[in-house]
Amino acid sequence: MERKLISIVIPCYNEQDNVGPISEAVRAQFETVPRLQKYDWEILFMDNDSADATRDRIRELCAADTKHIRAIFNAKNFGQFNSPYYGMLQTKGDATMLMAADFQDPPELIDKYVEGWEEGYKIVIGIKEHSTDAHFIYALRCLYYKLIRKFSQVDQIEHFTGFGLYDRAFMDVLRELDDPTPFLRGIVAELGFRRKEIPYDQPKRRAGKTSNNFYTLYDAAMLSFTSYTKIGLRIATFAGAICAGLSMLVAFIYLIMKLIWWDRFPAGMTPLLLGMLFLGSVQIFFIGLVGEYILSINQRVMKRPLVVEEERINMSE
């Protein structure tokens, strides 16, 4: 009987000190855990144009194990969403797993994910119960998840990073989407099969420095916000209507007071300036918000490729 294949996609960006240990950790799981020994496995390193020695380390791993270790090198950095998603689409396994190279997605959970898969779940994902992030950042994440879940048309998954196992049936769904701006966390919630959620504590990075910063976190938040909510545009509409109504009311009251106390009620410039500044700031804010939606639409309309490959290693045609 042919053994089933589990493909593990590991995105990389400046992970020279982690790619070797993570590959050995995954290998140890499949060679020592009884449940996993009956499966074939492969690791696909998806390098997003690393600037350190990550690619050299990956080449060494691929040369040492041509059967299990594969790699795709991007021509440039295509962002934190496109590259992992594209790597998942290149797999041929009966199940595909996505995990980070920095050990913040514990390899020990592979066994639990496969157990859930054997139980019949097409999607088995990890949910962070605790994180090593600063308390402020973690609290901000919690607030974001609650807001996006409240306002989204899709029941969003809190504290889910994409770490998990996906059956081939769901991978076929992803391949048919042809989405130029994929957001895996939202896609799993919107289009995924019945899933099993496994809680875990996220450990610290094993080595290296995270590439996440305020801009990347903001980018992730706005991609989710513009893809799965209408609340921004609705708020802009309601706020505009409310401000217009209040302005007309104040203008009418101001006119009546001026007519009644013509000589004692100076018109003055202060109320006019304050009103203009307030309405101007509201307009600029919502123009920016609408711009985020337009940017999201523009990226989808352009239909650019998810990534452009520079090199493939050990990838069969």
C-alpha atoms as a PDB file:
ATOM      1  CA  MET A   1       0.000   0.000   0.000  1.00  0.00           C
ATOM      2  CA  GLU A   2       1.368   3.395  -1.004  1.00  0.00           C
ATOM      3  CA  ARG A   3       2.366   5.594   1.901  1.00  0.00           C
ATOM      4  CA  LYS A   4       0.704   8.989   2.180  1.00  0.00           C
ATOM      5  CA  LEU A   5       2.865  12.083   1.805  1.00  0.00           C
ATOM      6  CA  ILE A   6       2.873  15.044   4.186  1.00  0.00           C
ATOM      7  CA  SER A   7       4.373  18.234   2.771  1.00  0.00           C
ATOM      8  CA  ILE A   8       5.702  20.842   5.201  1.00  0.00           C
ATOM      9  CA  VAL A   9       6.168  24.390   3.914  1.00  0.00           C
ATOM     10  CA  ILE A  10       8.632  26.520   5.879  1.00  0.00           C
ATOM     11  CA  PRO A  11       8.849  30.175   4.757  1.00  0.00           C
ATOM     12  CA  CYS A  12      12.234  31.799   5.334  1.00  0.00           C
ATOM     13  CA  TYR A  13      13.616  35.287   5.488  1.00  0.00           C
ATOM     14  CA  ASN A  14      17.044  35.723   7.101  1.00  0.00           C
ATOM     15  CA  GLU A  15      16.826  32.454   9.053  1.00  0.00           C
ATOM     16  CA  GLN A  16      20.386  31.181   8.582  1.00  0.00           C
ATOM     17  CA  ASP A  17      20.613  29.925  12.175  1.00  0.00           C
ATOM     18  CA  ASN A  18      17.213  28.211  12.117  1.00  0.00           C
ATOM     19  CA  VAL A  19      16.796  26.330   8.822  1.00  0.00           C
ATOM     20  CA  GLY A  20      19.190  23.536   9.825  1.00  0.00           C
ATOM     21  CA  PRO A  21      17.755  22.934  13.311  1.00  0.00           C
ATOM     22  CA  ILE A  22      14.126  23.132  12.124  1.00  0.00           C
ATOM     23  CA  SER A  23      14.757  20.549   9.398  1.00  0.00           C
ATOM     24  CA  GLU A  24      16.362  18.221  11.945  1.00  0.00           C
ATOM     25  CA  ALA A  25      13.486  18.769  14.374  1.00  0.00           C
ATOM     26  CA  VAL A  26      10.950  17.852  11.688  1.00  0.00           C
ATOM     27  CA  ARG A  27      13.002  14.825  10.652  1.00  0.00           C
ATOM     28  CA  ALA A  28      13.169  13.658  14.269  1.00  0.00           C
ATOM     29  CA  GLN A  29       9.384  13.836  14.549  1.00  0.00           C
ATOM     30  CA  PHE A  30       8.817  11.622  11.514  1.00  0.00           C
ATOM     31  CA  GLU A  31      11.546   9.158  12.447  1.00  0.00           C
ATOM     32  CA  THR A  32      10.761   8.735  16.165  1.00  0.00           C
ATOM     33  CA  VAL A  33       7.022   9.348  16.667  1.00  0.00           C
ATOM     34  CA  PRO A  34       5.136   6.071  16.016  1.00  0.00           C
ATOM     35  CA  ARG A  35       2.110   7.732  14.405  1.00  0.00           C
ATOM     36  CA  LEU A  36       4.292   9.633  11.925  1.00  0.00           C
ATOM     37  CA  GLN A  37       6.565   6.774  10.924  1.00  0.00           C
ATOM     38  CA  LYS A  38       3.981   5.385   8.503  1.00  0.00           C
ATOM     39  CA  TYR A  39       4.019   8.573   6.408  1.00  0.00           C
ATOM     40  CA  ASP A  40       6.400   9.862   3.776  1.00  0.00           C
ATOM     41  CA  TRP A  41       7.367  13.487   4.284  1.00  0.00           C
ATOM     42  CA  GLU A  42       9.030  16.410   2.598  1.00  0.00           C
ATOM     43  CA  ILE A  43      10.094  19.910   3.587  1.00  0.00           C
ATOM     44  CA  LEU A  44       9.750  22.800   1.152  1.00  0.00           C
ATOM     45  CA  PHE A  45      11.799  25.831   2.162  1.00  0.00           C
ATOM     46  CA  MET A  46      10.290  28.950   0.599  1.00  0.00           C
ATOM     47  CA  ASP A  47      12.994  31.628   0.758  1.00  0.00           C
ATOM     48  CA  ASN A  48      11.800  35.209   0.357  1.00  0.00           C
ATOM     49  CA  ASP A  49      15.068  36.733  -0.901  1.00  0.00           C
ATOM     50  CA  SER A  50      17.068  36.425   2.322  1.00  0.00           C
ATOM     51  CA  ALA A  51      20.033  38.767   2.694  1.00  0.00           C
ATOM     52  CA  ASP A  52      22.115  36.488   4.939  1.00  0.00           C
ATOM     53  CA  ALA A  53      23.437  32.939   4.452  1.00  0.00           C
ATOM     54  CA  THR A  54      20.009  31.292   4.550  1.00  0.00           C
ATOM     55  CA  ARG A  55      20.128  30.192   0.920  1.00  0.00           C
ATOM     56  CA  ASP A  56      23.582  28.651   1.288  1.00  0.00           C
ATOM     57  CA  ARG A  57      22.372  26.649   4.299  1.00  0.00           C
ATOM     58  CA  ILE A  58      19.289  25.501   2.408  1.00  0.00           C
ATOM     59  CA  ARG A  59      21.382  24.420  -0.569  1.00  0.00           C
ATOM     60  CA  GLU A  60      23.503  22.306   1.774  1.00  0.00           C
ATOM     61  CA  LEU A  61      20.391  20.693   3.257  1.00  0.00           C
ATOM     62  CA  CYS A  62      18.985  19.964  -0.200  1.00  0.00           C
ATOM     63  CA  ALA A  63      22.261  18.419  -1.345  1.00  0.00           C
ATOM     64  CA  ALA A  64      22.455  16.228   1.759  1.00  0.00           C
ATOM     65  CA  ASP A  65      18.878  14.899   1.402  1.00  0.00           C
ATOM     66  CA  THR A  66      17.510  15.089  -2.123  1.00  0.00           C
ATOM     67  CA  LYS A  67      14.474  12.993  -1.216  1.00  0.00           C
ATOM     68  CA  HIS A  68      13.059  15.003   1.667  1.00  0.00           C
ATOM     69  CA  ILE A  69      14.367  18.578   1.365  1.00  0.00           C
ATOM     70  CA  ARG A  70      13.267  20.905  -1.413  1.00  0.00           C
ATOM     71  CA  ALA A  71      13.492  24.645  -1.963  1.00  0.00           C
ATOM     72  CA  ILE A  72      12.137  27.536  -3.985  1.00  0.00           C
ATOM     73  CA  PHE A  73      14.034  30.841  -3.993  1.00  0.00           C
ATOM     74  CA  ASN A  74      12.086  34.007  -4.827  1.00  0.00           C
ATOM     75  CA  ALA A  75      13.572  36.647  -7.108  1.00  0.00           C
ATOM     76  CA  LYS A  76      12.737  39.309  -4.489  1.00  0.00           C
ATOM     77  CA  ASN A  77      10.827  39.699  -1.259  1.00  0.00           C
ATOM     78  CA  PHE A  78       7.134  39.288  -2.073  1.00  0.00           C
ATOM     79  CA  GLY A  79       5.814  39.828   1.426  1.00  0.00           C
ATOM     80  CA  GLN A  80       4.732  37.770   4.379  1.00  0.00           C
ATOM     81  CA  PHE A  81       1.498  36.482   2.803  1.00  0.00           C
ATOM     82  CA  ASN A  82       2.249  35.748  -0.849  1.00  0.00           C
ATOM     83  CA  SER A  83       5.382  33.676  -0.383  1.00  0.00           C
ATOM     84  CA  PRO A  84       4.052  31.101   2.149  1.00  0.00           C
ATOM     85  CA  TYR A  85       0.766  30.815   0.250  1.00  0.00           C
ATOM     86  CA  TYR A  86       2.569  30.233  -3.040  1.00  0.00           C
ATOM     87  CA  GLY A  87       4.749  27.582  -1.400  1.00  0.00           C
ATOM     88  CA  MET A  88       1.655  25.738  -0.204  1.00  0.00           C
ATOM     89  CA  LEU A  89       0.292  25.692  -3.754  1.00  0.00           C
ATOM     90  CA  GLN A  90       3.474  23.989  -4.991  1.00  0.00           C
ATOM     91  CA  THR A  91       3.134  20.963  -2.711  1.00  0.00           C
ATOM     92  CA  LYS A  92       1.924  17.523  -3.816  1.00  0.00           C
ATOM     93  CA  GLY A  93       1.277  15.931  -0.437  1.00  0.00           C
ATOM     94  CA  ASP A  94      -1.930  14.295   0.721  1.00  0.00           C
ATOM     95  CA  ALA A  95      -1.731  16.924   3.455  1.00  0.00           C
ATOM     96  CA  THR A  96       0.183  20.201   3.592  1.00  0.00           C
ATOM     97  CA  MET A  97       1.486  21.872   6.734  1.00  0.00           C
ATOM     98  CA  LEU A  98       2.637  25.456   7.166  1.00  0.00           C
ATOM     99  CA  MET A  99       5.070  26.309   9.955  1.00  0.00           C
ATOM    100  CA  ALA A 100       7.623  28.987  10.799  1.00  0.00           C
ATOM    101  CA  ALA A 101      11.377  28.431  10.681  1.00  0.00           C
ATOM    102  CA  ASP A 102      12.032  30.130  14.033  1.00  0.00           C
ATOM    103  CA  PHE A 103      10.471  27.384  16.234  1.00  0.00           C
ATOM    104  CA  GLN A 104       7.598  29.626  17.307  1.00  0.00           C
ATOM    105  CA  ASP A 105       5.440  26.981  15.645  1.00  0.00           C
ATOM    106  CA  PRO A 106       6.501  23.932  17.737  1.00  0.00           C
ATOM    107  CA  PRO A 107       7.385  20.843  15.624  1.00  0.00           C
ATOM    108  CA  GLU A 108       6.029  18.686  18.455  1.00  0.00           C
ATOM    109  CA  LEU A 109       2.512  19.642  17.341  1.00  0.00           C
ATOM    110  CA  ILE A 110       2.925  17.793  14.031  1.00  0.00           C
ATOM    111  CA  ASP A 111       1.812  14.586  15.757  1.00  0.00           C
ATOM    112  CA  LYS A 112      -1.359  16.208  17.136  1.00  0.00           C
ATOM    113  CA  TYR A 113      -2.190  17.728  13.765  1.00  0.00           C
ATOM    114  CA  VAL A 114      -1.833  14.385  12.020  1.00  0.00           C
ATOM    115  CA  GLU A 115      -3.948  12.767  14.740  1.00  0.00           C
ATOM    116  CA  GLY A 116      -6.721  15.267  14.021  1.00  0.00           C
ATOM    117  CA  TRP A 117      -6.335  14.616  10.297  1.00  0.00           C
ATOM    118  CA  GLU A 118      -6.694  10.873  10.886  1.00  0.00           C
ATOM    119  CA  GLU A 119      -9.890  11.588  12.821  1.00  0.00           C
ATOM    120  CA  GLY A 120     -11.377  12.983   9.620  1.00  0.00           C
ATOM    121  CA  TYR A 121     -10.763  16.725   9.930  1.00  0.00           C
ATOM    122  CA  LYS A 122      -9.691  18.366   6.677  1.00  0.00           C
ATOM    123  CA  ILE A 123      -8.150  21.297   8.544  1.00  0.00           C
ATOM    124  CA  VAL A 124      -6.278  21.119  11.858  1.00  0.00           C
ATOM    125  CA  ILE A 125      -4.874  24.426  13.112  1.00  0.00           C
ATOM    126  CA  GLY A 126      -3.032  25.805  16.117  1.00  0.00           C
ATOM    127  CA  ILE A 127      -4.502  28.561  18.270  1.00  0.00           C
ATOM    128  CA  LYS A 128      -2.098  30.595  20.417  1.00  0.00           C
ATOM    129  CA  GLU A 129      -3.178  30.686  24.066  1.00  0.00           C
ATOM    130  CA  HIS A 130      -0.073  32.526  25.237  1.00  0.00           C
ATOM    131  CA  SER A 131       2.649  34.397  23.391  1.00  0.00           C
ATOM    132  CA  THR A 132       6.100  35.763  24.137  1.00  0.00           C
ATOM    133  CA  ASP A 133       5.125  39.106  22.586  1.00  0.00           C
ATOM    134  CA  ALA A 134       5.250  42.190  24.795  1.00  0.00           C
ATOM    135  CA  HIS A 135       2.105  42.574  26.891  1.00  0.00           C
ATOM    136  CA  PHE A 136       1.097  45.730  25.024  1.00  0.00           C
ATOM    137  CA  ILE A 137       1.479  44.076  21.607  1.00  0.00           C
ATOM    138  CA  TYR A 138      -0.408  40.980  22.755  1.00  0.00           C
ATOM    139  CA  ALA A 139      -3.207  43.113  24.205  1.00  0.00           C
ATOM    140  CA  LEU A 140      -3.362  45.065  20.943  1.00  0.00           C
ATOM    141  CA  ARG A 141      -3.632  41.806  19.001  1.00  0.00           C
ATOM    142  CA  CYS A 142      -6.457  40.614  21.258  1.00  0.00           C
ATOM    143  CA  LEU A 143      -8.327  43.889  20.716  1.00  0.00           C
ATOM    144  CA  TYR A 144      -7.826  43.650  16.965  1.00  0.00           C
ATOM    145  CA  TYR A 145      -9.105  40.061  16.824  1.00  0.00           C
ATOM    146  CA  LYS A 146     -12.203  40.956  18.822  1.00  0.00           C
ATOM    147  CA  LEU A 147     -12.967  43.962  16.619  1.00  0.00           C
ATOM    148  CA  ILE A 148     -12.410  42.162  13.326  1.00  0.00           C
ATOM    149  CA  ARG A 149     -14.485  39.231  14.533  1.00  0.00           C
ATOM    150  CA  LYS A 150     -17.313  41.531  15.595  1.00  0.00           C
ATOM    151  CA  PHE A 151     -17.460  43.505  12.369  1.00  0.00           C
ATOM    152  CA  SER A 152     -16.501  40.853   9.827  1.00  0.00           C
ATOM    153  CA  GLN A 153     -19.051  39.067   7.696  1.00  0.00           C
ATOM    154  CA  VAL A 154     -16.956  35.924   8.223  1.00  0.00           C
ATOM    155  CA  ASP A 155     -16.427  34.390  11.663  1.00  0.00           C
ATOM    156  CA  GLN A 156     -12.711  35.144  11.993  1.00  0.00           C
ATOM    157  CA  ILE A 157     -10.372  32.841  13.936  1.00  0.00           C
ATOM    158  CA  GLU A 158      -8.665  34.521  16.886  1.00  0.00           C
ATOM    159  CA  HIS A 159      -4.917  34.035  17.513  1.00  0.00           C
ATOM    160  CA  PHE A 160      -4.435  31.940  14.379  1.00  0.00           C
ATOM    161  CA  THR A 161      -1.278  32.534  12.341  1.00  0.00           C
ATOM    162  CA  GLY A 162      -1.706  29.926   9.597  1.00  0.00           C
ATOM    163  CA  PHE A 163       0.221  27.221  11.472  1.00  0.00           C
ATOM    164  CA  GLY A 164      -1.626  23.974  10.840  1.00  0.00           C
ATOM    165  CA  LEU A 165      -2.375  21.027   8.571  1.00  0.00           C
ATOM    166  CA  TYR A 166      -4.518  21.232   5.437  1.00  0.00           C
ATOM    167  CA  ASP A 167      -5.911  18.249   3.569  1.00  0.00           C
ATOM    168  CA  ARG A 168      -5.449  17.951  -0.176  1.00  0.00           C
ATOM    169  CA  ALA A 169      -9.171  18.644  -0.662  1.00  0.00           C
ATOM    170  CA  PHE A 170      -8.747  22.101   0.881  1.00  0.00           C
ATOM    171  CA  MET A 171      -5.512  22.676  -1.023  1.00  0.00           C
ATOM    172  CA  ASP A 172      -7.445  22.068  -4.251  1.00  0.00           C
ATOM    173  CA  VAL A 173      -9.831  24.830  -3.172  1.00  0.00           C
ATOM    174  CA  LEU A 174      -6.881  27.192  -2.690  1.00  0.00           C
ATOM    175  CA  ARG A 175      -5.486  26.349  -6.119  1.00  0.00           C
ATOM    176  CA  GLU A 176      -8.804  27.259  -7.759  1.00  0.00           C
ATOM    177  CA  LEU A 177      -9.095  30.646  -6.021  1.00  0.00           C
ATOM    178  CA  ASP A 178      -6.481  32.481  -8.086  1.00  0.00           C
ATOM    179  CA  ASP A 179      -6.342  35.216  -5.436  1.00  0.00           C
ATOM    180  CA  PRO A 180      -3.512  37.746  -6.051  1.00  0.00           C
ATOM    181  CA  THR A 181      -3.726  39.041  -2.459  1.00  0.00           C
ATOM    182  CA  PRO A 182      -4.284  35.885  -0.390  1.00  0.00           C
ATOM    183  CA  PHE A 183      -4.984  36.112   3.326  1.00  0.00           C
ATOM    184  CA  LEU A 184      -4.860  32.496   4.509  1.00  0.00           C
ATOM    185  CA  ARG A 185      -6.345  33.164   7.944  1.00  0.00           C
ATOM    186  CA  GLY A 186      -9.452  34.688   6.410  1.00  0.00           C
ATOM    187  CA  ILE A 187      -9.699  32.063   3.665  1.00  0.00           C
ATOM    188  CA  VAL A 188      -9.645  29.232   6.218  1.00  0.00           C
ATOM    189  CA  ALA A 189     -12.463  30.892   8.165  1.00  0.00           C
ATOM    190  CA  GLU A 190     -14.494  31.717   5.052  1.00  0.00           C
ATOM    191  CA  LEU A 191     -14.019  28.712   2.770  1.00  0.00           C
ATOM    192  CA  GLY A 192     -12.514  26.009   4.947  1.00  0.00           C
ATOM    193  CA  PHE A 193     -13.974  22.655   5.857  1.00  0.00           C
ATOM    194  CA  ARG A 194     -14.897  21.580   9.372  1.00  0.00           C
ATOM    195  CA  ARG A 195     -11.750  22.147  11.394  1.00  0.00           C
ATOM    196  CA  LYS A 196     -10.119  21.100  14.639  1.00  0.00           C
ATOM    197  CA  GLU A 197      -8.403  23.748  16.745  1.00  0.00           C
ATOM    198  CA  ILE A 198      -5.482  22.820  18.976  1.00  0.00           C
ATOM    199  CA  PRO A 199      -4.361  25.352  21.615  1.00  0.00           C
ATOM    200  CA  TYR A 200      -0.647  25.868  22.262  1.00  0.00           C
ATOM    201  CA  ASP A 201       1.749  28.264  23.951  1.00  0.00           C
ATOM    202  CA  GLN A 202       3.936  30.088  21.475  1.00  0.00           C
ATOM    203  CA  PRO A 203       7.611  29.900  22.534  1.00  0.00           C
ATOM    204  CA  LYS A 204      10.328  32.466  21.887  1.00  0.00           C
ATOM    205  CA  ARG A 205      12.269  32.568  18.654  1.00  0.00           C
ATOM    206  CA  ARG A 206      15.151  30.125  18.724  1.00  0.00           C
ATOM    207  CA  ALA A 207      17.548  32.529  16.993  1.00  0.00           C
ATOM    208  CA  GLY A 208      17.605  35.605  14.820  1.00  0.00           C
ATOM    209  CA  LYS A 209      15.422  38.677  14.787  1.00  0.00           C
ATOM    210  CA  THR A 210      11.821  38.870  13.724  1.00  0.00           C
ATOM    211  CA  SER A 211      11.060  40.703  10.492  1.00  0.00           C
ATOM    212  CA  ASN A 212       7.691  41.863  11.838  1.00  0.00           C
ATOM    213  CA  ASN A 213       7.362  45.545  12.613  1.00  0.00           C
ATOM    214  CA  PHE A 214       4.593  48.113  12.865  1.00  0.00           C
ATOM    215  CA  TYR A 215       4.255  48.365   9.095  1.00  0.00           C
ATOM    216  CA  THR A 216       3.945  44.599   8.522  1.00  0.00           C
ATOM    217  CA  LEU A 217       1.439  44.267  11.364  1.00  0.00           C
ATOM    218  CA  TYR A 218      -0.539  47.220   9.995  1.00  0.00           C
ATOM    219  CA  ASP A 219      -0.442  45.680   6.526  1.00  0.00           C
ATOM    220  CA  ALA A 220      -1.841  42.405   7.865  1.00  0.00           C
ATOM    221  CA  ALA A 221      -4.555  44.197   9.822  1.00  0.00           C
ATOM    222  CA  MET A 222      -5.667  46.325   6.862  1.00  0.00           C
ATOM    223  CA  LEU A 223      -5.646  43.360   4.455  1.00  0.00           C
ATOM    224  CA  SER A 224      -8.006  41.518   6.777  1.00  0.00           C
ATOM    225  CA  PHE A 225     -10.077  44.658   7.441  1.00  0.00           C
ATOM    226  CA  THR A 226     -10.599  45.575   3.789  1.00  0.00           C
ATOM    227  CA  SER A 227     -11.134  41.968   2.651  1.00  0.00           C
ATOM    228  CA  TYR A 228     -13.680  40.871   5.200  1.00  0.00           C
ATOM    229  CA  THR A 229     -15.485  43.944   6.549  1.00  0.00           C
ATOM    230  CA  LYS A 230     -17.691  46.730   5.221  1.00  0.00           C
ATOM    231  CA  ILE A 231     -17.685  48.621   8.507  1.00  0.00           C
ATOM    232  CA  GLY A 232     -15.060  51.163   7.381  1.00  0.00           C
ATOM    233  CA  LEU A 233     -17.117  52.387   4.447  1.00  0.00           C
ATOM    234  CA  ARG A 234     -20.304  52.296   6.489  1.00  0.00           C
ATOM    235  CA  ILE A 235     -18.707  54.376   9.268  1.00  0.00           C
ATOM    236  CA  ALA A 236     -17.530  56.898   6.682  1.00  0.00           C
ATOM    237  CA  THR A 237     -21.081  57.193   5.325  1.00  0.00           C
ATOM    238  CA  PHE A 238     -22.695  57.527   8.752  1.00  0.00           C
ATOM    239  CA  ALA A 239     -20.035  59.913  10.071  1.00  0.00           C
ATOM    240  CA  GLY A 240     -20.400  62.104   6.997  1.00  0.00           C
ATOM    241  CA  ALA A 241     -24.174  62.213   7.410  1.00  0.00           C
ATOM    242  CA  ILE A 242     -23.952  62.986  11.140  1.00  0.00           C
ATOM    243  CA  CYS A 243     -21.333  65.716  10.656  1.00  0.00           C
ATOM    244  CA  ALA A 244     -23.382  67.266   7.844  1.00  0.00           C
ATOM    245  CA  GLY A 245     -26.516  67.263  10.013  1.00  0.00           C
ATOM    246  CA  LEU A 246     -24.716  68.776  12.990  1.00  0.00           C
ATOM    247  CA  SER A 247     -23.111  71.423  10.790  1.00  0.00           C
ATOM    248  CA  MET A 248     -26.475  72.434   9.349  1.00  0.00           C
ATOM    249  CA  LEU A 249     -28.006  72.528  12.828  1.00  0.00           C
ATOM    250  CA  VAL A 250     -25.196  74.694  14.222  1.00  0.00           C
ATOM    251  CA  ALA A 251     -25.366  76.969  11.167  1.00  0.00           C
ATOM    252  CA  PHE A 252     -29.123  77.414  11.592  1.00  0.00           C
ATOM    253  CA  ILE A 253     -28.793  78.161  15.339  1.00  0.00           C
ATOM    254  CA  TYR A 254     -25.960  80.577  14.613  1.00  0.00           C
ATOM    255  CA  LEU A 255     -28.084  82.361  12.005  1.00  0.00           C
ATOM    256  CA  ILE A 256     -31.074  82.706  14.379  1.00  0.00           C
ATOM    257  CA  MET A 257     -28.864  84.067  17.183  1.00  0.00           C
ATOM    258  CA  LYS A 258     -27.294  86.553  14.794  1.00  0.00           C
ATOM    259  CA  LEU A 259     -30.721  87.761  13.589  1.00  0.00           C
ATOM    260  CA  ILE A 260     -32.019  88.151  17.158  1.00  0.00           C
ATOM    261  CA  TRP A 261     -28.932  89.848  18.624  1.00  0.00           C
ATOM    262  CA  TRP A 262     -27.587  91.514  15.485  1.00  0.00           C
ATOM    263  CA  ASP A 263     -25.461  94.154  17.222  1.00  0.00           C
ATOM    264  CA  ARG A 264     -24.443  92.124  20.273  1.00  0.00           C
ATOM    265  CA  PHE A 265     -23.523  88.819  18.545  1.00  0.00           C
ATOM    266  CA  PRO A 266     -20.332  89.179  16.515  1.00  0.00           C
ATOM    267  CA  ALA A 267     -19.908  86.567  13.785  1.00  0.00           C
ATOM    268  CA  GLY A 268     -16.168  86.121  14.321  1.00  0.00           C
ATOM    269  CA  MET A 269     -13.810  83.730  12.542  1.00  0.00           C
ATOM    270  CA  THR A 270     -13.129  81.249  15.373  1.00  0.00           C
ATOM    271  CA  PRO A 271     -16.272  79.092  14.953  1.00  0.00           C
ATOM    272  CA  LEU A 272     -15.749  79.035  11.198  1.00  0.00           C
ATOM    273  CA  LEU A 273     -12.111  77.970  11.490  1.00  0.00           C
ATOM    274  CA  LEU A 274     -12.860  75.287  14.090  1.00  0.00           C
ATOM    275  CA  GLY A 275     -15.644  73.863  11.944  1.00  0.00           C
ATOM    276  CA  MET A 276     -13.457  73.815   8.859  1.00  0.00           C
ATOM    277  CA  LEU A 277     -10.574  72.124  10.684  1.00  0.00           C
ATOM    278  CA  PHE A 278     -12.859  69.498  12.204  1.00  0.00           C
ATOM    279  CA  LEU A 279     -14.653  68.635   8.985  1.00  0.00           C
ATOM    280  CA  GLY A 280     -11.378  68.704   7.055  1.00  0.00           C
ATOM    281  CA  SER A 281      -9.744  66.230   9.423  1.00  0.00           C
ATOM    282  CA  VAL A 282     -12.768  63.915   9.225  1.00  0.00           C
ATOM    283  CA  GLN A 283     -12.657  64.040   5.429  1.00  0.00           C
ATOM    284  CA  ILE A 284      -8.920  63.323   5.256  1.00  0.00           C
ATOM    285  CA  PHE A 285      -9.261  60.364   7.646  1.00  0.00           C
ATOM    286  CA  PHE A 286     -12.017  58.737   5.642  1.00  0.00           C
ATOM    287  CA  ILE A 287     -10.358  59.482   2.311  1.00  0.00           C
ATOM    288  CA  GLY A 288      -7.400  57.486   3.644  1.00  0.00           C
ATOM    289  CA  LEU A 289      -9.699  54.683   4.762  1.00  0.00           C
ATOM    290  CA  VAL A 290     -11.427  54.538   1.395  1.00  0.00           C
ATOM    291  CA  GLY A 291      -7.958  54.556  -0.165  1.00  0.00           C
ATOM    292  CA  GLU A 292      -7.143  51.322   1.688  1.00  0.00           C
ATOM    293  CA  TYR A 293     -10.157  49.662   0.081  1.00  0.00           C
ATOM    294  CA  ILE A 294      -9.179  51.027  -3.339  1.00  0.00           C
ATOM    295  CA  LEU A 295      -5.613  49.740  -2.860  1.00  0.00           C
ATOM    296  CA  SER A 296      -6.972  46.288  -2.072  1.00  0.00           C
ATOM    297  CA  ILE A 297      -9.184  46.382  -5.171  1.00  0.00           C
ATOM    298  CA  ASN A 298      -6.289  47.639  -7.304  1.00  0.00           C
ATOM    299  CA  GLN A 299      -4.039  44.763  -6.245  1.00  0.00           C
ATOM    300  CA  ARG A 300      -6.723  42.265  -7.192  1.00  0.00           C
ATOM    301  CA  VAL A 301      -7.466  43.885 -10.537  1.00  0.00           C
ATOM    302  CA  MET A 302      -3.803  43.989 -11.606  1.00  0.00           C
ATOM    303  CA  LYS A 303      -3.556  40.182 -11.270  1.00  0.00           C
ATOM    304  CA  ARG A 304       0.178  40.211 -10.612  1.00  0.00           C
ATOM    305  CA  PRO A 305       1.786  36.800  -9.914  1.00  0.00           C
ATOM    306  CA  LEU A 306       2.048  35.814  -6.257  1.00  0.00           C
ATOM    307  CA  VAL A 307       5.837  35.488  -6.573  1.00  0.00           C
ATOM    308  CA  VAL A 308       8.495  35.289  -9.261  1.00  0.00           C
ATOM    309  CA  GLU A 309      10.820  32.324  -8.811  1.00  0.00           C
ATOM    310  CA  GLU A 310      14.565  32.570  -9.184  1.00  0.00           C
ATOM    311  CA  GLU A 311      15.575  28.983  -8.510  1.00  0.00           C
ATOM    312  CA  ARG A 312      14.118  25.559  -7.685  1.00  0.00           C
ATOM    313  CA  ILE A 313      15.998  22.781  -5.954  1.00  0.00           C
ATOM    314  CA  ASN A 314      14.919  19.093  -5.843  1.00  0.00           C
ATOM    315  CA  MET A 315      11.494  20.022  -7.212  1.00  0.00           C
ATOM    316  CA  SER A 316      10.247  17.341  -9.618  1.00  0.00           C
ATOM    317  CA  GLU A 317       8.363  18.565 -12.675  1.00  0.00           C
END
